[in-house]
Amino acid sequence: MNGDKTMKQLQQEVDAYIGQFKEGYFTPMELMARLTEELGELSREVMHEYGPKKKKATEDDNTIEAEMGDLLFVLICMANSLDIDLAHAHGRVMEKFNTRDKNRWTRKEEAE
């Protein structure tokens, strides 16, 4: 597993996987439901790891990393199904944060 893939490569990899199947991508509403489901599973793992509600011995041994991977996969599916370039979308949101929100947070002191 290579963690150095570009967003374009990730989107292409998911598209190649989904393209093997006649069913193709789920509809946007189905993907929204899947995103919500995966976000809930991630939330549960964060609660178990950092919150007061610890895992029961009978619960599956999932991880935050695995749930983030599931969430990313479904997000990429949704982007691909709607022909959205996630690298471009990320660039736009970073531009927004670097302009509109540039003075919103207290900056760290620069090393001298």
PDB file of N, CA and C in Angstrom:
ATOM      1  N   MET A   1       0.840  -1.184   0.000  1.00  0.00           N
ATOM      2  CA  MET A   1       0.000   0.000   0.000  1.00  0.00           C
ATOM      3  C   MET A   1       0.880   1.241   0.000  1.00  0.00           C
ATOM      4  N   ASN A   2       0.595   2.113  -0.922  1.00  0.00           N
ATOM      5  CA  ASN A   2       1.411   3.308  -1.102  1.00  0.00           C
ATOM      6  C   ASN A   2       0.622   4.532  -0.656  1.00  0.00           C
ATOM      7  N   GLY A   3       1.166   5.260   0.328  1.00  0.00           N
ATOM      8  CA  GLY A   3       0.509   6.459   0.829  1.00  0.00           C
ATOM      9  C   GLY A   3       0.860   7.707   0.059  1.00  0.00           C
ATOM     10  N   ASP A   4       1.609   7.556  -1.037  1.00  0.00           N
ATOM     11  CA  ASP A   4       2.058   8.722  -1.800  1.00  0.00           C
ATOM     12  C   ASP A   4       1.261   8.943  -3.083  1.00  0.00           C
ATOM     13  N   LYS A   5       0.070   8.405  -3.158  1.00  0.00           N
ATOM     14  CA  LYS A   5      -0.753   8.562  -4.351  1.00  0.00           C
ATOM     15  C   LYS A   5      -1.351   9.960  -4.383  1.00  0.00           C
ATOM     16  N   THR A   6      -1.493  10.482  -5.587  1.00  0.00           N
ATOM     17  CA  THR A   6      -2.172  11.765  -5.745  1.00  0.00           C
ATOM     18  C   THR A   6      -3.676  11.534  -5.647  1.00  0.00           C
ATOM     19  N   MET A   7      -4.407  12.608  -5.456  1.00  0.00           N
ATOM     20  CA  MET A   7      -5.868  12.491  -5.410  1.00  0.00           C
ATOM     21  C   MET A   7      -6.379  11.969  -6.748  1.00  0.00           C
ATOM     22  N   LYS A   8      -5.771  12.424  -7.835  1.00  0.00           N
ATOM     23  CA  LYS A   8      -6.187  11.939  -9.160  1.00  0.00           C
ATOM     24  C   LYS A   8      -5.988  10.435  -9.257  1.00  0.00           C
ATOM     25  N   GLN A   9      -4.864   9.940  -8.758  1.00  0.00           N
ATOM     26  CA  GLN A   9      -4.612   8.503  -8.780  1.00  0.00           C
ATOM     27  C   GLN A   9      -5.629   7.756  -7.921  1.00  0.00           C
ATOM     28  N   LEU A  10      -5.955   8.306  -6.759  1.00  0.00           N
ATOM     29  CA  LEU A  10      -6.962   7.677  -5.907  1.00  0.00           C
ATOM     30  C   LEU A  10      -8.303   7.601  -6.632  1.00  0.00           C
ATOM     31  N   GLN A  11      -8.677   8.706  -7.269  1.00  0.00           N
ATOM     32  CA  GLN A  11      -9.950   8.723  -7.980  1.00  0.00           C
ATOM     33  C   GLN A  11      -9.937   7.734  -9.141  1.00  0.00           C
ATOM     34  N   GLN A  12      -8.821   7.626  -9.840  1.00  0.00           N
ATOM     35  CA  GLN A  12      -8.716   6.678 -10.953  1.00  0.00           C
ATOM     36  C   GLN A  12      -8.766   5.237 -10.447  1.00  0.00           C
ATOM     37  N   GLU A  13      -8.109   4.976  -9.323  1.00  0.00           N
ATOM     38  CA  GLU A  13      -8.099   3.632  -8.757  1.00  0.00           C
ATOM     39  C   GLU A  13      -9.503   3.186  -8.356  1.00  0.00           C
ATOM     40  N   VAL A  14     -10.241   4.077  -7.706  1.00  0.00           N
ATOM     41  CA  VAL A  14     -11.614   3.759  -7.316  1.00  0.00           C
ATOM     42  C   VAL A  14     -12.478   3.568  -8.563  1.00  0.00           C
ATOM     43  N   ASP A  15     -12.297   4.425  -9.566  1.00  0.00           N
ATOM     44  CA  ASP A  15     -13.079   4.316 -10.792  1.00  0.00           C
ATOM     45  C   ASP A  15     -12.812   2.988 -11.502  1.00  0.00           C
ATOM     46  N   ALA A  16     -11.543   2.564 -11.529  1.00  0.00           N
ATOM     47  CA  ALA A  16     -11.206   1.282 -12.147  1.00  0.00           C
ATOM     48  C   ALA A  16     -11.865   0.131 -11.380  1.00  0.00           C
ATOM     49  N   TYR A  17     -11.882   0.223 -10.075  1.00  0.00           N
ATOM     50  CA  TYR A  17     -12.520  -0.816  -9.264  1.00  0.00           C
ATOM     51  C   TYR A  17     -14.023  -0.870  -9.546  1.00  0.00           C
ATOM     52  N   ILE A  18     -14.695   0.272  -9.453  1.00  0.00           N
ATOM     53  CA  ILE A  18     -16.145   0.320  -9.652  1.00  0.00           C
ATOM     54  C   ILE A  18     -16.499  -0.057 -11.095  1.00  0.00           C
ATOM     55  N   GLY A  19     -15.640   0.294 -12.035  1.00  0.00           N
ATOM     56  CA  GLY A  19     -15.884   0.016 -13.445  1.00  0.00           C
ATOM     57  C   GLY A  19     -15.935  -1.461 -13.790  1.00  0.00           C
ATOM     58  N   GLN A  20     -15.508  -2.323 -12.899  1.00  0.00           N
ATOM     59  CA  GLN A  20     -15.559  -3.769 -13.132  1.00  0.00           C
ATOM     60  C   GLN A  20     -16.979  -4.319 -13.040  1.00  0.00           C
ATOM     61  N   PHE A  21     -17.868  -3.553 -12.458  1.00  0.00           N
ATOM     62  CA  PHE A  21     -19.192  -4.072 -12.125  1.00  0.00           C
ATOM     63  C   PHE A  21     -20.287  -3.393 -12.945  1.00  0.00           C
ATOM     64  N   LYS A  22     -21.244  -4.185 -13.400  1.00  0.00           N
ATOM     65  CA  LYS A  22     -22.358  -3.666 -14.197  1.00  0.00           C
ATOM     66  C   LYS A  22     -23.136  -2.596 -13.447  1.00  0.00           C
ATOM     67  N   GLU A  23     -23.253  -2.757 -12.120  1.00  0.00           N
ATOM     68  CA  GLU A  23     -24.053  -1.818 -11.331  1.00  0.00           C
ATOM     69  C   GLU A  23     -23.455  -0.417 -11.310  1.00  0.00           C
ATOM     70  N   GLY A  24     -22.146  -0.305 -11.389  1.00  0.00           N
ATOM     71  CA  GLY A  24     -21.489   1.003 -11.359  1.00  0.00           C
ATOM     72  C   GLY A  24     -21.668   1.706 -10.019  1.00  0.00           C
ATOM     73  N   TYR A  25     -21.618   3.017 -10.058  1.00  0.00           N
ATOM     74  CA  TYR A  25     -21.749   3.813  -8.840  1.00  0.00           C
ATOM     75  C   TYR A  25     -23.193   3.826  -8.348  1.00  0.00           C
ATOM     76  N   PHE A  26     -23.355   3.922  -7.032  1.00  0.00           N
ATOM     77  CA  PHE A  26     -24.677   4.140  -6.467  1.00  0.00           C
ATOM     78  C   PHE A  26     -25.139   5.541  -6.848  1.00  0.00           C
ATOM     79  N   THR A  27     -26.412   5.814  -6.661  1.00  0.00           N
ATOM     80  CA  THR A  27     -26.948   7.153  -6.928  1.00  0.00           C
ATOM     81  C   THR A  27     -26.406   8.124  -5.868  1.00  0.00           C
ATOM     82  N   PRO A  28     -26.440   9.426  -6.149  1.00  0.00           N
ATOM     83  CA  PRO A  28     -25.974  10.388  -5.151  1.00  0.00           C
ATOM     84  C   PRO A  28     -26.661  10.248  -3.790  1.00  0.00           C
ATOM     85  N   MET A  29     -27.961   9.984  -3.766  1.00  0.00           N
ATOM     86  CA  MET A  29     -28.659   9.829  -2.484  1.00  0.00           C
ATOM     87  C   MET A  29     -28.194   8.576  -1.750  1.00  0.00           C
ATOM     88  N   GLU A  30     -27.959   7.487  -2.485  1.00  0.00           N
ATOM     89  CA  GLU A  30     -27.446   6.268  -1.854  1.00  0.00           C
ATOM     90  C   GLU A  30     -26.035   6.499  -1.312  1.00  0.00           C
ATOM     91  N   LEU A  31     -25.240   7.235  -2.066  1.00  0.00           N
ATOM     92  CA  LEU A  31     -23.876   7.544  -1.608  1.00  0.00           C
ATOM     93  C   LEU A  31     -23.902   8.450  -0.388  1.00  0.00           C
ATOM     94  N   MET A  32     -24.860   9.367  -0.329  1.00  0.00           N
ATOM     95  CA  MET A  32     -25.005  10.224   0.853  1.00  0.00           C
ATOM     96  C   MET A  32     -25.320   9.379   2.071  1.00  0.00           C
ATOM     97  N   ALA A  33     -26.202   8.414   1.895  1.00  0.00           N
ATOM     98  CA  ALA A  33     -26.545   7.522   3.003  1.00  0.00           C
ATOM     99  C   ALA A  33     -25.317   6.713   3.425  1.00  0.00           C
ATOM    100  N   ARG A  34     -24.538   6.251   2.463  1.00  0.00           N
ATOM    101  CA  ARG A  34     -23.318   5.493   2.778  1.00  0.00           C
ATOM    102  C   ARG A  34     -22.304   6.380   3.497  1.00  0.00           C
ATOM    103  N   LEU A  35     -22.157   7.638   3.050  1.00  0.00           N
ATOM    104  CA  LEU A  35     -21.252   8.574   3.730  1.00  0.00           C
ATOM    105  C   LEU A  35     -21.674   8.772   5.178  1.00  0.00           C
ATOM    106  N   THR A  36     -22.964   8.939   5.384  1.00  0.00           N
ATOM    107  CA  THR A  36     -23.489   9.124   6.734  1.00  0.00           C
ATOM    108  C   THR A  36     -23.214   7.900   7.594  1.00  0.00           C
ATOM    109  N   GLU A  37     -23.423   6.722   7.023  1.00  0.00           N
ATOM    110  CA  GLU A  37     -23.164   5.478   7.744  1.00  0.00           C
ATOM    111  C   GLU A  37     -21.684   5.370   8.123  1.00  0.00           C
ATOM    112  N   GLU A  38     -20.805   5.632   7.171  1.00  0.00           N
ATOM    113  CA  GLU A  38     -19.364   5.531   7.431  1.00  0.00           C
ATOM    114  C   GLU A  38     -18.906   6.586   8.440  1.00  0.00           C
ATOM    115  N   LEU A  39     -19.479   7.778   8.373  1.00  0.00           N
ATOM    116  CA  LEU A  39     -19.135   8.816   9.340  1.00  0.00           C
ATOM    117  C   LEU A  39     -19.549   8.397  10.748  1.00  0.00           C
ATOM    118  N   GLY A  40     -20.699   7.761  10.860  1.00  0.00           N
ATOM    119  CA  GLY A  40     -21.141   7.243  12.156  1.00  0.00           C
ATOM    120  C   GLY A  40     -20.187   6.189  12.700  1.00  0.00           C
ATOM    121  N   GLU A  41     -19.700   5.319  11.817  1.00  0.00           N
ATOM    122  CA  GLU A  41     -18.748   4.290  12.238  1.00  0.00           C
ATOM    123  C   GLU A  41     -17.422   4.916  12.678  1.00  0.00           C
ATOM    124  N   LEU A  42     -16.983   5.946  11.970  1.00  0.00           N
ATOM    125  CA  LEU A  42     -15.772   6.665  12.378  1.00  0.00           C
ATOM    126  C   LEU A  42     -15.992   7.334  13.724  1.00  0.00           C
ATOM    127  N   SER A  43     -17.147   7.952  13.894  1.00  0.00           N
ATOM    128  CA  SER A  43     -17.472   8.607  15.157  1.00  0.00           C
ATOM    129  C   SER A  43     -17.427   7.618  16.315  1.00  0.00           C
ATOM    130  N   ARG A  44     -17.962   6.426  16.093  1.00  0.00           N
ATOM    131  CA  ARG A  44     -17.956   5.400  17.133  1.00  0.00           C
ATOM    132  C   ARG A  44     -16.525   5.015  17.510  1.00  0.00           C
ATOM    133  N   GLU A  45     -15.652   4.879  16.515  1.00  0.00           N
ATOM    134  CA  GLU A  45     -14.256   4.514  16.798  1.00  0.00           C
ATOM    135  C   GLU A  45     -13.532   5.627  17.559  1.00  0.00           C
ATOM    136  N   VAL A  46     -13.793   6.885  17.198  1.00  0.00           N
ATOM    137  CA  VAL A  46     -13.176   8.010  17.914  1.00  0.00           C
ATOM    138  C   VAL A  46     -13.680   8.032  19.350  1.00  0.00           C
ATOM    139  N   MET A  47     -14.962   7.774  19.543  1.00  0.00           N
ATOM    140  CA  MET A  47     -15.531   7.731  20.894  1.00  0.00           C
ATOM    141  C   MET A  47     -14.865   6.631  21.722  1.00  0.00           C
ATOM    142  N   HIS A  48     -14.666   5.482  21.103  1.00  0.00           N
ATOM    143  CA  HIS A  48     -14.028   4.371  21.824  1.00  0.00           C
ATOM    144  C   HIS A  48     -12.587   4.702  22.190  1.00  0.00           C
ATOM    145  N   GLU A  49     -11.890   5.361  21.302  1.00  0.00           N
ATOM    146  CA  GLU A  49     -10.465   5.654  21.512  1.00  0.00           C
ATOM    147  C   GLU A  49     -10.235   6.848  22.430  1.00  0.00           C
ATOM    148  N   TYR A  50     -11.027   7.907  22.259  1.00  0.00           N
ATOM    149  CA  TYR A  50     -10.755   9.164  22.973  1.00  0.00           C
ATOM    150  C   TYR A  50     -11.863   9.608  23.918  1.00  0.00           C
ATOM    151  N   GLY A  51     -13.010   8.988  23.822  1.00  0.00           N
ATOM    152  CA  GLY A  51     -14.139   9.415  24.636  1.00  0.00           C
ATOM    153  C   GLY A  51     -14.373   8.498  25.821  1.00  0.00           C
ATOM    154  N   PRO A  52     -15.431   8.762  26.544  1.00  0.00           N
ATOM    155  CA  PRO A  52     -15.718   7.982  27.750  1.00  0.00           C
ATOM    156  C   PRO A  52     -16.335   6.613  27.453  1.00  0.00           C
ATOM    157  N   LYS A  53     -16.833   6.412  26.237  1.00  0.00           N
ATOM    158  CA  LYS A  53     -17.531   5.157  25.922  1.00  0.00           C
ATOM    159  C   LYS A  53     -16.540   4.177  25.288  1.00  0.00           C
ATOM    160  N   LYS A  54     -16.053   3.254  26.079  1.00  0.00           N
ATOM    161  CA  LYS A  54     -15.070   2.288  25.609  1.00  0.00           C
ATOM    162  C   LYS A  54     -15.757   1.109  24.930  1.00  0.00           C
ATOM    163  N   LYS A  55     -15.000   0.399  24.114  1.00  0.00           N
ATOM    164  CA  LYS A  55     -15.511  -0.741  23.367  1.00  0.00           C
ATOM    165  C   LYS A  55     -15.895  -1.895  24.277  1.00  0.00           C
ATOM    166  N   LYS A  56     -16.980  -2.562  23.921  1.00  0.00           N
ATOM    167  CA  LYS A  56     -17.362  -3.789  24.609  1.00  0.00           C
ATOM    168  C   LYS A  56     -16.550  -4.934  24.020  1.00  0.00           C
ATOM    169  N   ALA A  57     -16.339  -5.969  24.776  1.00  0.00           N
ATOM    170  CA  ALA A  57     -15.570  -7.128  24.317  1.00  0.00           C
ATOM    171  C   ALA A  57     -16.221  -7.783  23.096  1.00  0.00           C
ATOM    172  N   THR A  58     -17.520  -7.602  22.933  1.00  0.00           N
ATOM    173  CA  THR A  58     -18.248  -8.234  21.830  1.00  0.00           C
ATOM    174  C   THR A  58     -18.217  -7.415  20.537  1.00  0.00           C
ATOM    175  N   GLU A  59     -17.696  -6.166  20.593  1.00  0.00           N
ATOM    176  CA  GLU A  59     -17.690  -5.304  19.413  1.00  0.00           C
ATOM    177  C   GLU A  59     -16.525  -5.631  18.493  1.00  0.00           C
ATOM    178  N   ASP A  60     -16.731  -5.382  17.194  1.00  0.00           N
ATOM    179  CA  ASP A  60     -15.695  -5.625  16.195  1.00  0.00           C
ATOM    180  C   ASP A  60     -14.451  -4.808  16.494  1.00  0.00           C
ATOM    181  N   ASP A  61     -13.327  -5.332  16.087  1.00  0.00           N
ATOM    182  CA  ASP A  61     -12.043  -4.681  16.313  1.00  0.00           C
ATOM    183  C   ASP A  61     -11.698  -3.775  15.133  1.00  0.00           C
ATOM    184  N   ASN A  62     -12.436  -2.677  14.970  1.00  0.00           N
ATOM    185  CA  ASN A  62     -12.168  -1.711  13.912  1.00  0.00           C
ATOM    186  C   ASN A  62     -11.192  -0.663  14.415  1.00  0.00           C
ATOM    187  N   THR A  63     -10.681   0.153  13.498  1.00  0.00           N
ATOM    188  CA  THR A  63      -9.761   1.218  13.880  1.00  0.00           C
ATOM    189  C   THR A  63     -10.216   2.526  13.252  1.00  0.00           C
ATOM    190  N   ILE A  64      -9.723   3.616  13.796  1.00  0.00           N
ATOM    191  CA  ILE A  64     -10.003   4.930  13.219  1.00  0.00           C
ATOM    192  C   ILE A  64      -9.468   4.968  11.792  1.00  0.00           C
ATOM    193  N   GLU A  65      -8.279   4.431  11.582  1.00  0.00           N
ATOM    194  CA  GLU A  65      -7.679   4.418  10.235  1.00  0.00           C
ATOM    195  C   GLU A  65      -8.573   3.687   9.236  1.00  0.00           C
ATOM    196  N   ALA A  66      -9.057   2.516   9.617  1.00  0.00           N
ATOM    197  CA  ALA A  66      -9.919   1.736   8.715  1.00  0.00           C
ATOM    198  C   ALA A  66     -11.199   2.491   8.398  1.00  0.00           C
ATOM    199  N   GLU A  67     -11.786   3.120   9.398  1.00  0.00           N
ATOM    200  CA  GLU A  67     -13.037   3.858   9.168  1.00  0.00           C
ATOM    201  C   GLU A  67     -12.790   5.098   8.311  1.00  0.00           C
ATOM    202  N   MET A  68     -11.648   5.760   8.488  1.00  0.00           N
ATOM    203  CA  MET A  68     -11.318   6.891   7.617  1.00  0.00           C
ATOM    204  C   MET A  68     -11.134   6.424   6.176  1.00  0.00           C
ATOM    205  N   GLY A  69     -10.526   5.254   6.008  1.00  0.00           N
ATOM    206  CA  GLY A  69     -10.373   4.689   4.670  1.00  0.00           C
ATOM    207  C   GLY A  69     -11.713   4.412   4.022  1.00  0.00           C
ATOM    208  N   ASP A  70     -12.649   3.840   4.791  1.00  0.00           N
ATOM    209  CA  ASP A  70     -13.991   3.588   4.266  1.00  0.00           C
ATOM    210  C   ASP A  70     -14.679   4.886   3.871  1.00  0.00           C
ATOM    211  N   LEU A  71     -14.562   5.887   4.719  1.00  0.00           N
ATOM    212  CA  LEU A  71     -15.184   7.188   4.450  1.00  0.00           C
ATOM    213  C   LEU A  71     -14.586   7.820   3.195  1.00  0.00           C
ATOM    214  N   LEU A  72     -13.268   7.753   3.064  1.00  0.00           N
ATOM    215  CA  LEU A  72     -12.597   8.313   1.887  1.00  0.00           C
ATOM    216  C   LEU A  72     -13.041   7.594   0.621  1.00  0.00           C
ATOM    217  N   PHE A  73     -13.143   6.267   0.683  1.00  0.00           N
ATOM    218  CA  PHE A  73     -13.581   5.499  -0.480  1.00  0.00           C
ATOM    219  C   PHE A  73     -14.955   5.954  -0.951  1.00  0.00           C
ATOM    220  N   VAL A  74     -15.897   6.085  -0.028  1.00  0.00           N
ATOM    221  CA  VAL A  74     -17.259   6.483  -0.409  1.00  0.00           C
ATOM    222  C   VAL A  74     -17.267   7.925  -0.913  1.00  0.00           C
ATOM    223  N   LEU A  75     -16.477   8.806  -0.293  1.00  0.00           N
ATOM    224  CA  LEU A  75     -16.389  10.191  -0.773  1.00  0.00           C
ATOM    225  C   LEU A  75     -15.843  10.233  -2.197  1.00  0.00           C
ATOM    226  N   ILE A  76     -14.834   9.426  -2.480  1.00  0.00           N
ATOM    227  CA  ILE A  76     -14.277   9.368  -3.841  1.00  0.00           C
ATOM    228  C   ILE A  76     -15.315   8.810  -4.804  1.00  0.00           C
ATOM    229  N   CYS A  77     -16.055   7.789  -4.388  1.00  0.00           N
ATOM    230  CA  CYS A  77     -17.136   7.266  -5.235  1.00  0.00           C
ATOM    231  C   CYS A  77     -18.127   8.366  -5.592  1.00  0.00           C
ATOM    232  N   MET A  78     -18.516   9.144  -4.591  1.00  0.00           N
ATOM    233  CA  MET A  78     -19.490  10.209  -4.842  1.00  0.00           C
ATOM    234  C   MET A  78     -18.908  11.255  -5.791  1.00  0.00           C
ATOM    235  N   ALA A  79     -17.666  11.652  -5.558  1.00  0.00           N
ATOM    236  CA  ALA A  79     -17.020  12.637  -6.436  1.00  0.00           C
ATOM    237  C   ALA A  79     -16.941  12.104  -7.869  1.00  0.00           C
ATOM    238  N   ASN A  80     -16.522  10.868  -8.012  1.00  0.00           N
ATOM    239  CA  ASN A  80     -16.422  10.281  -9.358  1.00  0.00           C
ATOM    240  C   ASN A  80     -17.781  10.223 -10.033  1.00  0.00           C
ATOM    241  N   SER A  81     -18.802   9.819  -9.294  1.00  0.00           N
ATOM    242  CA  SER A  81     -20.129   9.689  -9.895  1.00  0.00           C
ATOM    243  C   SER A  81     -20.683  11.040 -10.336  1.00  0.00           C
ATOM    244  N   LEU A  82     -20.222  12.111  -9.695  1.00  0.00           N
ATOM    245  CA  LEU A  82     -20.686  13.468 -10.035  1.00  0.00           C
ATOM    246  C   LEU A  82     -19.666  14.225 -10.884  1.00  0.00           C
ATOM    247  N   ASP A  83     -18.604  13.509 -11.324  1.00  0.00           N
ATOM    248  CA  ASP A  83     -17.546  14.088 -12.157  1.00  0.00           C
ATOM    249  C   ASP A  83     -16.898  15.303 -11.485  1.00  0.00           C
ATOM    250  N   ILE A  84     -16.561  15.135 -10.207  1.00  0.00           N
ATOM    251  CA  ILE A  84     -15.900  16.189  -9.439  1.00  0.00           C
ATOM    252  C   ILE A  84     -14.444  15.818  -9.237  1.00  0.00           C
ATOM    253  N   ASP A  85     -13.556  16.727  -9.581  1.00  0.00           N
ATOM    254  CA  ASP A  85     -12.118  16.557  -9.375  1.00  0.00           C
ATOM    255  C   ASP A  85     -11.818  16.997  -7.935  1.00  0.00           C
ATOM    256  N   LEU A  86     -11.517  16.028  -7.073  1.00  0.00           N
ATOM    257  CA  LEU A  86     -11.308  16.351  -5.660  1.00  0.00           C
ATOM    258  C   LEU A  86     -10.061  17.197  -5.423  1.00  0.00           C
ATOM    259  N   ALA A  87      -9.037  17.052  -6.240  1.00  0.00           N
ATOM    260  CA  ALA A  87      -7.846  17.902  -6.093  1.00  0.00           C
ATOM    261  C   ALA A  87      -8.219  19.356  -6.368  1.00  0.00           C
ATOM    262  N   HIS A  88      -9.037  19.571  -7.376  1.00  0.00           N
ATOM    263  CA  HIS A  88      -9.498  20.928  -7.685  1.00  0.00           C
ATOM    264  C   HIS A  88     -10.383  21.457  -6.549  1.00  0.00           C
ATOM    265  N   ALA A  89     -11.282  20.616  -6.044  1.00  0.00           N
ATOM    266  CA  ALA A  89     -12.153  21.018  -4.932  1.00  0.00           C
ATOM    267  C   ALA A  89     -11.315  21.367  -3.706  1.00  0.00           C
ATOM    268  N   HIS A  90     -10.276  20.580  -3.445  1.00  0.00           N
ATOM    269  CA  HIS A  90      -9.391  20.859  -2.313  1.00  0.00           C
ATOM    270  C   HIS A  90      -8.658  22.185  -2.517  1.00  0.00           C
ATOM    271  N   GLY A  91      -8.187  22.429  -3.716  1.00  0.00           N
ATOM    272  CA  GLY A  91      -7.517  23.703  -4.012  1.00  0.00           C
ATOM    273  C   GLY A  91      -8.414  24.897  -3.757  1.00  0.00           C
ATOM    274  N   ARG A  92      -9.669  24.768  -4.128  1.00  0.00           N
ATOM    275  CA  ARG A  92     -10.615  25.864  -3.908  1.00  0.00           C
ATOM    276  C   ARG A  92     -10.859  26.115  -2.430  1.00  0.00           C
ATOM    277  N   VAL A  93     -10.996  25.046  -1.644  1.00  0.00           N
ATOM    278  CA  VAL A  93     -11.245  25.237  -0.217  1.00  0.00           C
ATOM    279  C   VAL A  93     -10.004  25.800   0.473  1.00  0.00           C
ATOM    280  N   MET A  94      -8.813  25.405   0.040  1.00  0.00           N
ATOM    281  CA  MET A  94      -7.593  25.952   0.641  1.00  0.00           C
ATOM    282  C   MET A  94      -7.442  27.430   0.311  1.00  0.00           C
ATOM    283  N   GLU A  95      -7.821  27.800  -0.902  1.00  0.00           N
ATOM    284  CA  GLU A  95      -7.800  29.220  -1.274  1.00  0.00           C
ATOM    285  C   GLU A  95      -8.733  30.013  -0.371  1.00  0.00           C
ATOM    286  N   LYS A  96      -9.894  29.444  -0.108  1.00  0.00           N
ATOM    287  CA  LYS A  96     -10.872  30.096   0.773  1.00  0.00           C
ATOM    288  C   LYS A  96     -10.285  30.278   2.174  1.00  0.00           C
ATOM    289  N   PHE A  97      -9.681  29.217   2.718  1.00  0.00           N
ATOM    290  CA  PHE A  97      -9.105  29.312   4.063  1.00  0.00           C
ATOM    291  C   PHE A  97      -7.928  30.277   4.102  1.00  0.00           C
ATOM    292  N   ASN A  98      -7.165  30.333   3.031  1.00  0.00           N
ATOM    293  CA  ASN A  98      -5.987  31.211   3.003  1.00  0.00           C
ATOM    294  C   ASN A  98      -6.332  32.661   2.704  1.00  0.00           C
ATOM    295  N   THR A  99      -7.561  32.945   2.323  1.00  0.00           N
ATOM    296  CA  THR A  99      -7.966  34.333   2.080  1.00  0.00           C
ATOM    297  C   THR A  99      -9.003  34.758   3.113  1.00  0.00           C
ATOM    298  N   ARG A 100     -10.191  34.238   3.020  1.00  0.00           N
ATOM    299  CA  ARG A 100     -11.276  34.631   3.911  1.00  0.00           C
ATOM    300  C   ARG A 100     -10.952  34.392   5.381  1.00  0.00           C
ATOM    301  N   ASP A 101     -10.317  33.260   5.678  1.00  0.00           N
ATOM    302  CA  ASP A 101     -10.078  32.879   7.071  1.00  0.00           C
ATOM    303  C   ASP A 101      -8.629  33.065   7.515  1.00  0.00           C
ATOM    304  N   LYS A 102      -7.856  33.844   6.750  1.00  0.00           N
ATOM    305  CA  LYS A 102      -6.420  33.930   7.050  1.00  0.00           C
ATOM    306  C   LYS A 102      -6.117  34.524   8.423  1.00  0.00           C
ATOM    307  N   ASN A 103      -6.989  35.347   8.962  1.00  0.00           N
ATOM    308  CA  ASN A 103      -6.750  35.945  10.283  1.00  0.00           C
ATOM    309  C   ASN A 103      -7.709  35.426  11.353  1.00  0.00           C
ATOM    310  N   ARG A 104      -8.355  34.322  11.057  1.00  0.00           N
ATOM    311  CA  ARG A 104      -9.355  33.791  11.974  1.00  0.00           C
ATOM    312  C   ARG A 104      -8.739  33.149  13.215  1.00  0.00           C
ATOM    313  N   TRP A 105      -7.590  32.532  13.078  1.00  0.00           N
ATOM    314  CA  TRP A 105      -6.958  31.794  14.157  1.00  0.00           C
ATOM    315  C   TRP A 105      -5.666  32.460  14.594  1.00  0.00           C
ATOM    316  N   THR A 106      -5.243  32.196  15.811  1.00  0.00           N
ATOM    317  CA  THR A 106      -4.018  32.767  16.340  1.00  0.00           C
ATOM    318  C   THR A 106      -2.838  31.987  15.771  1.00  0.00           C
ATOM    319  N   ARG A 107      -1.962  32.687  15.096  1.00  0.00           N
ATOM    320  CA  ARG A 107      -0.803  32.042  14.467  1.00  0.00           C
ATOM    321  C   ARG A 107       0.249  31.721  15.504  1.00  0.00           C
ATOM    322  N   LYS A 108       0.996  30.661  15.239  1.00  0.00           N
ATOM    323  CA  LYS A 108       2.131  30.300  16.091  1.00  0.00           C
ATOM    324  C   LYS A 108       3.235  31.319  15.910  1.00  0.00           C
ATOM    325  N   GLU A 109       4.047  31.485  16.934  1.00  0.00           N
ATOM    326  CA  GLU A 109       5.202  32.370  16.850  1.00  0.00           C
ATOM    327  C   GLU A 109       6.197  31.768  15.872  1.00  0.00           C
ATOM    328  N   GLU A 110       6.793  32.595  15.035  1.00  0.00           N
ATOM    329  CA  GLU A 110       7.793  32.105  14.091  1.00  0.00           C
ATOM    330  C   GLU A 110       9.114  31.919  14.817  1.00  0.00           C
ATOM    331  N   ALA A 111       9.831  30.855  14.458  1.00  0.00           N
ATOM    332  CA  ALA A 111      11.145  30.595  15.063  1.00  0.00           C
ATOM    333  C   ALA A 111      12.127  31.687  14.630  1.00  0.00           C
ATOM    334  N   GLU A 112      12.926  32.128  15.577  1.00  0.00           N
ATOM    335  CA  GLU A 112      13.869  33.211  15.253  1.00  0.00           C
ATOM    336  C   GLU A 112      15.229  32.684  14.975  1.00  0.00           C
TER     337      GLU A 112
END
